[in-house]
N, C-alpha and C. Protein backbone atom coordinates (compact mmCIF):
# COMPACT_ATOMS: atom_id res chain seq x y z
N UNK A 1 27.20 -23.24 6.04
CA UNK A 1 26.30 -22.54 5.15
C UNK A 1 24.86 -22.98 5.34
N UNK A 2 24.65 -24.30 5.52
CA UNK A 2 23.31 -24.82 5.70
C UNK A 2 22.71 -24.27 6.99
N UNK A 3 23.54 -24.16 8.05
CA UNK A 3 23.05 -23.61 9.32
C UNK A 3 22.60 -22.16 9.17
N UNK A 4 23.34 -21.38 8.42
CA UNK A 4 22.99 -19.98 8.21
C UNK A 4 21.66 -19.87 7.47
N UNK A 5 21.48 -20.67 6.43
CA UNK A 5 20.24 -20.65 5.67
C UNK A 5 19.09 -21.12 6.55
N UNK A 6 19.30 -22.17 7.34
CA UNK A 6 18.24 -22.69 8.22
C UNK A 6 17.88 -21.65 9.27
N UNK A 7 18.87 -20.98 9.84
CA UNK A 7 18.60 -19.94 10.84
C UNK A 7 17.85 -18.78 10.20
N UNK A 8 18.22 -18.40 8.99
CA UNK A 8 17.52 -17.32 8.29
C UNK A 8 16.08 -17.68 7.98
N UNK A 9 15.85 -18.91 7.55
CA UNK A 9 14.48 -19.36 7.28
C UNK A 9 13.66 -19.41 8.56
N UNK A 10 14.26 -19.85 9.65
CA UNK A 10 13.55 -19.91 10.93
C UNK A 10 13.17 -18.51 11.40
N UNK A 11 14.07 -17.56 11.26
CA UNK A 11 13.78 -16.17 11.64
C UNK A 11 12.69 -15.58 10.76
N UNK A 12 12.73 -15.88 9.48
CA UNK A 12 11.72 -15.39 8.55
C UNK A 12 10.34 -15.98 8.88
N UNK A 13 10.31 -17.26 9.18
CA UNK A 13 9.05 -17.92 9.54
C UNK A 13 8.49 -17.35 10.84
N UNK A 14 9.35 -17.09 11.80
CA UNK A 14 8.90 -16.53 13.08
C UNK A 14 8.35 -15.12 12.88
N UNK A 15 8.97 -14.36 12.01
CA UNK A 15 8.51 -13.00 11.76
C UNK A 15 7.14 -13.00 11.10
N UNK A 16 6.89 -13.95 10.22
CA UNK A 16 5.60 -14.00 9.54
C UNK A 16 4.53 -14.68 10.39
N UNK A 17 4.93 -15.50 11.35
CA UNK A 17 3.96 -16.21 12.18
C UNK A 17 3.31 -15.28 13.20
N UNK A 18 4.07 -14.32 13.70
CA UNK A 18 3.53 -13.40 14.71
C UNK A 18 2.71 -12.33 14.02
N UNK A 19 1.41 -12.24 14.35
CA UNK A 19 0.60 -11.19 13.72
C UNK A 19 1.03 -9.81 14.22
N UNK A 20 1.08 -8.88 13.30
CA UNK A 20 1.46 -7.52 13.70
C UNK A 20 0.21 -6.72 14.01
N UNK A 21 0.38 -5.72 14.83
CA UNK A 21 -0.74 -4.85 15.17
C UNK A 21 -1.12 -4.02 13.96
N UNK A 22 -2.41 -3.76 13.77
CA UNK A 22 -2.81 -2.96 12.61
C UNK A 22 -2.42 -1.50 12.78
N UNK A 23 -2.22 -0.84 11.67
CA UNK A 23 -1.97 0.60 11.68
C UNK A 23 -3.32 1.30 11.71
N UNK A 24 -3.46 2.26 12.60
CA UNK A 24 -4.71 3.01 12.73
C UNK A 24 -4.38 4.48 12.56
N UNK A 25 -5.08 5.14 11.65
CA UNK A 25 -4.88 6.56 11.41
C UNK A 25 -6.21 7.27 11.57
N UNK A 26 -6.26 8.26 12.45
CA UNK A 26 -7.44 9.09 12.62
C UNK A 26 -7.15 10.44 11.98
N UNK A 27 -8.07 10.91 11.17
CA UNK A 27 -7.94 12.25 10.61
C UNK A 27 -9.18 13.02 11.04
N UNK A 28 -8.98 14.06 11.82
CA UNK A 28 -10.08 14.90 12.28
C UNK A 28 -9.79 16.31 11.81
N UNK A 29 -10.73 16.91 11.11
CA UNK A 29 -10.54 18.26 10.58
C UNK A 29 -11.63 19.17 11.13
N UNK A 30 -11.24 20.30 11.67
CA UNK A 30 -12.21 21.28 12.15
C UNK A 30 -12.86 21.97 10.95
N UNK A 31 -14.13 22.24 11.05
CA UNK A 31 -14.88 23.02 10.05
C UNK A 31 -14.82 22.43 8.65
N UNK A 32 -14.85 21.13 8.54
CA UNK A 32 -14.84 20.47 7.25
C UNK A 32 -16.25 19.96 6.97
N UNK A 33 -16.84 20.42 5.90
CA UNK A 33 -18.18 19.99 5.54
C UNK A 33 -18.20 18.60 4.95
N UNK A 34 -19.37 17.99 4.90
CA UNK A 34 -19.53 16.62 4.40
C UNK A 34 -19.05 16.47 2.96
N UNK A 35 -19.33 17.43 2.13
CA UNK A 35 -19.05 17.33 0.71
C UNK A 35 -17.77 18.06 0.29
N UNK A 36 -16.89 18.32 1.22
CA UNK A 36 -15.70 19.14 0.92
C UNK A 36 -14.54 18.36 0.30
N UNK A 37 -14.46 17.07 0.53
CA UNK A 37 -13.30 16.30 0.09
C UNK A 37 -13.49 15.82 -1.34
N UNK A 38 -12.37 15.65 -2.05
CA UNK A 38 -12.42 15.22 -3.44
C UNK A 38 -13.09 13.88 -3.63
N UNK A 39 -12.89 12.93 -2.72
CA UNK A 39 -13.49 11.61 -2.91
C UNK A 39 -15.01 11.64 -2.77
N UNK A 40 -15.56 12.67 -2.18
CA UNK A 40 -17.02 12.81 -2.06
C UNK A 40 -17.61 13.64 -3.21
N UNK A 41 -16.85 14.63 -3.64
CA UNK A 41 -17.40 15.57 -4.62
C UNK A 41 -16.24 16.17 -5.42
N UNK A 42 -15.93 15.56 -6.54
CA UNK A 42 -14.80 16.04 -7.34
C UNK A 42 -15.13 17.33 -8.09
N UNK A 43 -16.38 17.74 -8.11
CA UNK A 43 -16.75 18.94 -8.85
C UNK A 43 -16.48 20.23 -8.08
N UNK A 44 -16.14 20.14 -6.80
CA UNK A 44 -15.89 21.35 -6.00
C UNK A 44 -14.55 21.99 -6.31
N UNK A 45 -13.67 21.27 -6.94
CA UNK A 45 -12.38 21.83 -7.28
C UNK A 45 -11.30 21.59 -6.24
N UNK A 46 -11.64 20.92 -5.15
CA UNK A 46 -10.64 20.58 -4.14
C UNK A 46 -9.97 19.27 -4.55
N UNK A 47 -8.68 19.34 -4.80
CA UNK A 47 -7.94 18.16 -5.21
C UNK A 47 -7.26 17.57 -3.98
N UNK A 48 -7.67 16.39 -3.59
CA UNK A 48 -7.11 15.72 -2.40
C UNK A 48 -6.72 14.30 -2.76
N UNK A 49 -5.75 14.10 -3.65
CA UNK A 49 -5.46 12.76 -4.15
C UNK A 49 -4.99 11.77 -3.08
N UNK A 50 -4.19 12.22 -2.13
CA UNK A 50 -3.70 11.30 -1.11
C UNK A 50 -4.82 10.91 -0.15
N UNK A 51 -5.64 11.87 0.24
CA UNK A 51 -6.78 11.55 1.10
C UNK A 51 -7.80 10.71 0.35
N UNK A 52 -7.94 10.94 -0.95
CA UNK A 52 -8.84 10.12 -1.76
C UNK A 52 -8.37 8.67 -1.76
N UNK A 53 -7.07 8.46 -1.95
CA UNK A 53 -6.51 7.10 -1.92
C UNK A 53 -6.75 6.43 -0.57
N UNK A 54 -6.54 7.19 0.52
CA UNK A 54 -6.81 6.63 1.84
C UNK A 54 -8.28 6.24 1.98
N UNK A 55 -9.16 7.09 1.51
CA UNK A 55 -10.60 6.81 1.62
C UNK A 55 -10.97 5.57 0.82
N UNK A 56 -10.44 5.44 -0.38
CA UNK A 56 -10.81 4.31 -1.23
C UNK A 56 -10.19 3.00 -0.77
N UNK A 57 -9.07 3.06 -0.06
CA UNK A 57 -8.40 1.82 0.36
C UNK A 57 -8.61 1.50 1.84
N UNK A 58 -9.27 2.38 2.56
CA UNK A 58 -9.46 2.15 3.99
C UNK A 58 -10.93 2.13 4.36
N UNK A 59 -11.20 2.55 5.57
CA UNK A 59 -12.56 2.61 6.09
C UNK A 59 -12.92 4.06 6.31
N UNK A 60 -14.04 4.48 5.77
CA UNK A 60 -14.53 5.84 5.96
C UNK A 60 -15.72 5.79 6.90
N UNK A 61 -15.61 6.47 8.02
CA UNK A 61 -16.72 6.55 8.96
C UNK A 61 -17.57 7.74 8.56
N UNK A 62 -18.81 7.50 8.21
CA UNK A 62 -19.63 8.54 7.61
C UNK A 62 -20.66 9.18 8.53
N UNK A 63 -21.04 8.55 9.58
CA UNK A 63 -22.13 9.06 10.40
C UNK A 63 -21.68 9.39 11.82
N UNK A 64 -20.58 10.07 11.93
CA UNK A 64 -20.06 10.46 13.22
C UNK A 64 -19.85 11.97 13.21
N UNK A 65 -20.11 12.58 14.30
CA UNK A 65 -20.08 14.03 14.34
C UNK A 65 -19.17 14.50 15.45
N UNK A 66 -18.67 15.70 15.29
CA UNK A 66 -17.77 16.28 16.28
C UNK A 66 -18.51 17.30 17.13
N UNK A 67 -17.84 17.74 18.16
CA UNK A 67 -18.38 18.77 19.03
C UNK A 67 -18.15 20.14 18.39
N UNK A 68 -18.79 21.19 18.90
CA UNK A 68 -18.68 22.50 18.25
C UNK A 68 -17.30 23.17 18.38
N UNK A 69 -16.48 22.74 19.32
CA UNK A 69 -15.13 23.29 19.45
C UNK A 69 -14.13 22.15 19.60
N UNK A 70 -12.85 22.45 19.48
CA UNK A 70 -11.83 21.41 19.32
C UNK A 70 -11.58 20.55 20.56
N UNK A 71 -11.47 21.12 21.74
CA UNK A 71 -11.10 20.33 22.92
C UNK A 71 -12.10 19.23 23.25
N UNK A 72 -13.42 19.49 23.22
CA UNK A 72 -14.35 18.40 23.46
C UNK A 72 -14.25 17.28 22.41
N UNK A 73 -14.05 17.66 21.16
CA UNK A 73 -13.91 16.67 20.09
C UNK A 73 -12.69 15.81 20.34
N UNK A 74 -11.57 16.43 20.62
CA UNK A 74 -10.32 15.68 20.81
C UNK A 74 -10.36 14.81 22.06
N UNK A 75 -10.93 15.33 23.13
CA UNK A 75 -10.98 14.53 24.35
C UNK A 75 -11.89 13.32 24.18
N UNK A 76 -13.02 13.49 23.47
CA UNK A 76 -13.92 12.37 23.21
C UNK A 76 -13.26 11.33 22.32
N UNK A 77 -12.58 11.78 21.28
CA UNK A 77 -11.90 10.87 20.37
C UNK A 77 -10.81 10.09 21.08
N UNK A 78 -10.02 10.76 21.88
CA UNK A 78 -8.87 10.12 22.52
C UNK A 78 -9.23 9.22 23.69
N UNK A 79 -10.41 9.42 24.28
CA UNK A 79 -10.78 8.60 25.45
C UNK A 79 -11.97 7.69 25.19
N UNK A 80 -12.78 8.01 24.17
CA UNK A 80 -13.99 7.24 23.94
C UNK A 80 -15.12 7.60 24.89
N UNK A 81 -14.99 8.69 25.59
CA UNK A 81 -16.01 9.12 26.54
C UNK A 81 -16.63 10.44 26.09
N UNK A 82 -17.85 10.67 26.51
CA UNK A 82 -18.50 11.95 26.21
C UNK A 82 -17.79 13.08 26.94
N UNK A 83 -17.63 14.23 26.29
CA UNK A 83 -16.94 15.36 26.91
C UNK A 83 -17.55 15.81 28.24
N UNK A 84 -18.86 15.66 28.39
CA UNK A 84 -19.49 16.08 29.64
C UNK A 84 -18.96 15.26 30.82
N UNK A 85 -18.53 14.05 30.57
CA UNK A 85 -17.97 13.21 31.64
C UNK A 85 -16.50 13.53 31.91
N UNK A 86 -15.90 14.29 31.01
CA UNK A 86 -14.49 14.66 31.16
C UNK A 86 -14.31 16.10 31.61
N UNK A 87 -15.39 16.87 31.59
CA UNK A 87 -15.30 18.29 31.94
C UNK A 87 -14.78 19.16 30.83
N UNK A 88 -14.81 18.66 29.60
CA UNK A 88 -14.27 19.43 28.47
C UNK A 88 -15.35 19.91 27.52
N UNK A 89 -16.61 19.83 27.91
CA UNK A 89 -17.72 20.10 27.00
C UNK A 89 -17.88 21.55 26.60
N UNK A 90 -17.36 22.49 27.35
CA UNK A 90 -17.69 23.89 27.08
C UNK A 90 -16.50 24.80 26.83
N UNK A 91 -15.29 24.30 26.99
CA UNK A 91 -14.13 25.19 26.90
C UNK A 91 -13.02 24.57 26.06
N UNK A 92 -12.19 25.43 25.52
CA UNK A 92 -10.99 25.00 24.83
C UNK A 92 -9.88 24.89 25.86
N UNK A 93 -9.11 23.81 25.79
CA UNK A 93 -7.97 23.66 26.68
C UNK A 93 -6.76 24.25 25.96
N UNK A 94 -6.35 25.44 26.39
CA UNK A 94 -5.18 26.09 25.80
C UNK A 94 -3.91 25.59 26.48
N UNK A 95 -2.78 25.94 25.92
CA UNK A 95 -1.51 25.47 26.45
C UNK A 95 -1.30 25.92 27.89
N UNK A 96 -1.86 27.06 28.27
CA UNK A 96 -1.64 27.56 29.63
C UNK A 96 -2.86 27.36 30.55
N UNK A 97 -3.83 26.58 30.12
CA UNK A 97 -5.01 26.32 30.94
C UNK A 97 -4.58 25.48 32.14
N UNK A 98 -4.99 25.88 33.36
CA UNK A 98 -4.52 25.19 34.55
C UNK A 98 -5.27 23.88 34.86
N UNK A 99 -6.09 23.40 33.94
CA UNK A 99 -6.79 22.13 34.15
C UNK A 99 -6.80 21.35 32.85
N UNK A 100 -7.16 20.12 32.93
CA UNK A 100 -7.22 19.27 31.74
C UNK A 100 -7.98 18.00 32.05
N UNK A 101 -7.80 17.01 31.26
CA UNK A 101 -8.44 15.72 31.48
C UNK A 101 -7.77 15.04 32.67
N UNK A 102 -8.58 14.42 33.50
CA UNK A 102 -8.07 13.73 34.69
C UNK A 102 -7.01 12.70 34.30
N UNK A 103 -5.93 12.65 35.04
CA UNK A 103 -4.83 11.74 34.74
C UNK A 103 -5.23 10.28 34.89
N UNK A 104 -6.35 10.01 35.53
CA UNK A 104 -6.83 8.63 35.67
C UNK A 104 -7.48 8.10 34.39
N UNK A 105 -7.80 9.00 33.46
CA UNK A 105 -8.43 8.58 32.21
C UNK A 105 -7.44 7.80 31.35
N UNK A 106 -7.96 6.83 30.62
CA UNK A 106 -7.12 6.08 29.68
C UNK A 106 -7.33 6.64 28.28
N UNK A 107 -6.25 6.74 27.55
CA UNK A 107 -6.28 7.24 26.18
C UNK A 107 -6.10 6.09 25.20
N UNK A 108 -6.37 6.33 23.93
CA UNK A 108 -6.31 5.29 22.92
C UNK A 108 -5.01 4.49 22.95
N UNK A 109 -3.84 5.10 23.02
CA UNK A 109 -2.61 4.29 23.04
C UNK A 109 -2.53 3.35 24.24
N UNK A 110 -3.00 3.78 25.39
CA UNK A 110 -2.99 2.93 26.56
C UNK A 110 -3.95 1.76 26.38
N UNK A 111 -5.12 2.03 25.84
CA UNK A 111 -6.11 0.99 25.62
C UNK A 111 -5.61 0.00 24.56
N UNK A 112 -4.96 0.51 23.52
CA UNK A 112 -4.45 -0.36 22.46
C UNK A 112 -3.36 -1.29 22.96
N UNK A 113 -2.57 -0.85 23.91
CA UNK A 113 -1.53 -1.70 24.46
C UNK A 113 -2.10 -2.89 25.24
N UNK A 114 -3.27 -2.66 25.84
CA UNK A 114 -3.91 -3.73 26.61
C UNK A 114 -4.48 -4.72 25.65
């Protein structure tokens, strides 16, 4: 019995000793104005309680802007590079588009693993 308790305590200590990777959540919304969310302006009538909780308990990036269409915004967010360097600055990448971001580019999950 003592061995089982000691092994359990050792496993518990090892689990708490190893730091875990942080959870990162990106929320990007097309055509969302600065004052559209409930946590910014509750008088607009938009009720966003879950997003409000995330905003109040996390980090809100306030001075960052997106590109005028979705593909450049997403490619910049996922790679950390300007769309002009990726070739995505002027067009939407549809499901059947015969080109995309170069396979040599690193994306956020690849960078996070390093």
